[in-house]
Amino acid sequence: MNLDWTALGQVAAVSLAVTVAVVAVFALGVLGLARHEGAREEGGTSSLGSAQAGLCFLACAAVVAYGIYLIVPQFH
């Protein structure tokens, strides 16, 4: 059995980078929700915080949906 170690390393590196990116985007979404809740408790509105949270969570959902699309062969 012959392994292509370079390709394996590339897959591992890309997987790690995408995982870190998705976690960071999700954390930004949670931060947006916290800003929205903080502004709401102070009596104001924070449409920027809710927009930030919505966009970040939508991006995370898109990455997850794309991963499922790649895994499930019936979607191709």
Protein backbone atom coordinates (compact mmCIF):
# COMPACT_ATOMS: atom_id res chain seq x y z
CA MET A 1 0.00 0.00 0.00
CA ASN A 2 1.37 3.35 -1.05
CA LEU A 3 0.21 6.56 0.61
CA ASP A 4 0.51 10.01 -0.91
CA TRP A 5 1.71 11.79 2.22
CA THR A 6 1.67 15.20 0.56
CA ALA A 7 -2.00 14.90 -0.34
CA LEU A 8 -2.80 13.63 3.15
CA GLY A 9 -0.99 16.61 4.66
CA GLN A 10 -2.87 19.01 2.40
CA VAL A 11 -6.22 17.50 3.37
CA ALA A 12 -5.32 17.70 7.06
CA ALA A 13 -4.18 21.32 6.75
CA VAL A 14 -7.28 22.43 4.85
CA SER A 15 -9.54 20.57 7.28
CA LEU A 16 -7.87 22.26 10.24
CA ALA A 17 -8.06 25.70 8.62
CA VAL A 18 -11.74 25.35 7.71
CA THR A 19 -12.57 24.07 11.20
CA VAL A 20 -10.85 27.04 12.83
CA ALA A 21 -12.58 29.44 10.42
CA VAL A 22 -16.04 28.00 11.08
CA VAL A 23 -15.50 28.14 14.85
CA ALA A 24 -14.33 31.76 14.58
CA VAL A 25 -17.34 32.75 12.45
CA PHE A 26 -19.68 31.00 14.90
CA ALA A 27 -18.04 32.86 17.79
CA LEU A 28 -18.60 36.14 15.94
CA GLY A 29 -22.25 35.16 15.58
CA VAL A 30 -22.52 34.58 19.32
CA LEU A 31 -20.84 37.96 19.88
CA GLY A 32 -23.46 39.58 17.64
CA LEU A 33 -26.23 37.97 19.67
CA ALA A 34 -24.63 39.21 22.88
CA ARG A 35 -24.45 42.75 21.47
CA HIS A 36 -28.10 42.53 20.45
CA GLU A 37 -29.16 41.30 23.90
CA GLY A 38 -27.01 43.92 25.64
CA ALA A 39 -28.53 46.73 23.61
CA ARG A 40 -32.02 45.37 24.23
CA GLU A 41 -31.44 45.30 28.00
CA GLU A 42 -30.31 48.93 27.87
CA GLY A 43 -33.53 49.90 26.12
CA GLY A 44 -32.09 50.39 22.66
CA THR A 45 -31.95 48.32 19.55
CA SER A 46 -28.91 46.84 17.88
CA SER A 47 -29.74 45.93 14.33
CA LEU A 48 -26.01 45.66 13.62
CA GLY A 49 -25.61 42.93 16.24
CA SER A 50 -28.55 40.93 14.98
CA ALA A 51 -27.42 41.34 11.36
CA GLN A 52 -23.92 40.20 12.33
CA ALA A 53 -25.32 37.16 14.12
CA GLY A 54 -27.62 36.28 11.24
CA LEU A 55 -24.88 36.50 8.62
CA CYS A 56 -22.41 34.51 10.70
CA PHE A 57 -24.89 31.74 11.47
CA LEU A 58 -25.98 31.66 7.82
CA ALA A 59 -22.34 31.25 6.77
CA CYS A 60 -21.89 28.38 9.25
CA ALA A 61 -25.05 26.71 7.99
CA ALA A 62 -23.84 27.07 4.39
CA VAL A 63 -20.53 25.38 5.23
CA VAL A 64 -22.33 22.52 6.97
CA ALA A 65 -24.78 22.12 4.06
CA TYR A 66 -21.90 22.07 1.57
CA GLY A 67 -20.13 19.39 3.63
CA ILE A 68 -23.28 17.26 3.67
CA TYR A 69 -23.64 17.79 -0.08
CA LEU A 70 -20.09 16.50 -0.60
CA ILE A 71 -20.63 13.45 1.59
CA VAL A 72 -24.05 12.24 0.38
CA PRO A 73 -23.79 10.81 -3.14
CA GLN A 74 -27.53 11.09 -3.87
CA PHE A 75 -27.19 14.90 -3.95
CA HIS A 76 -24.82 14.83 -6.93
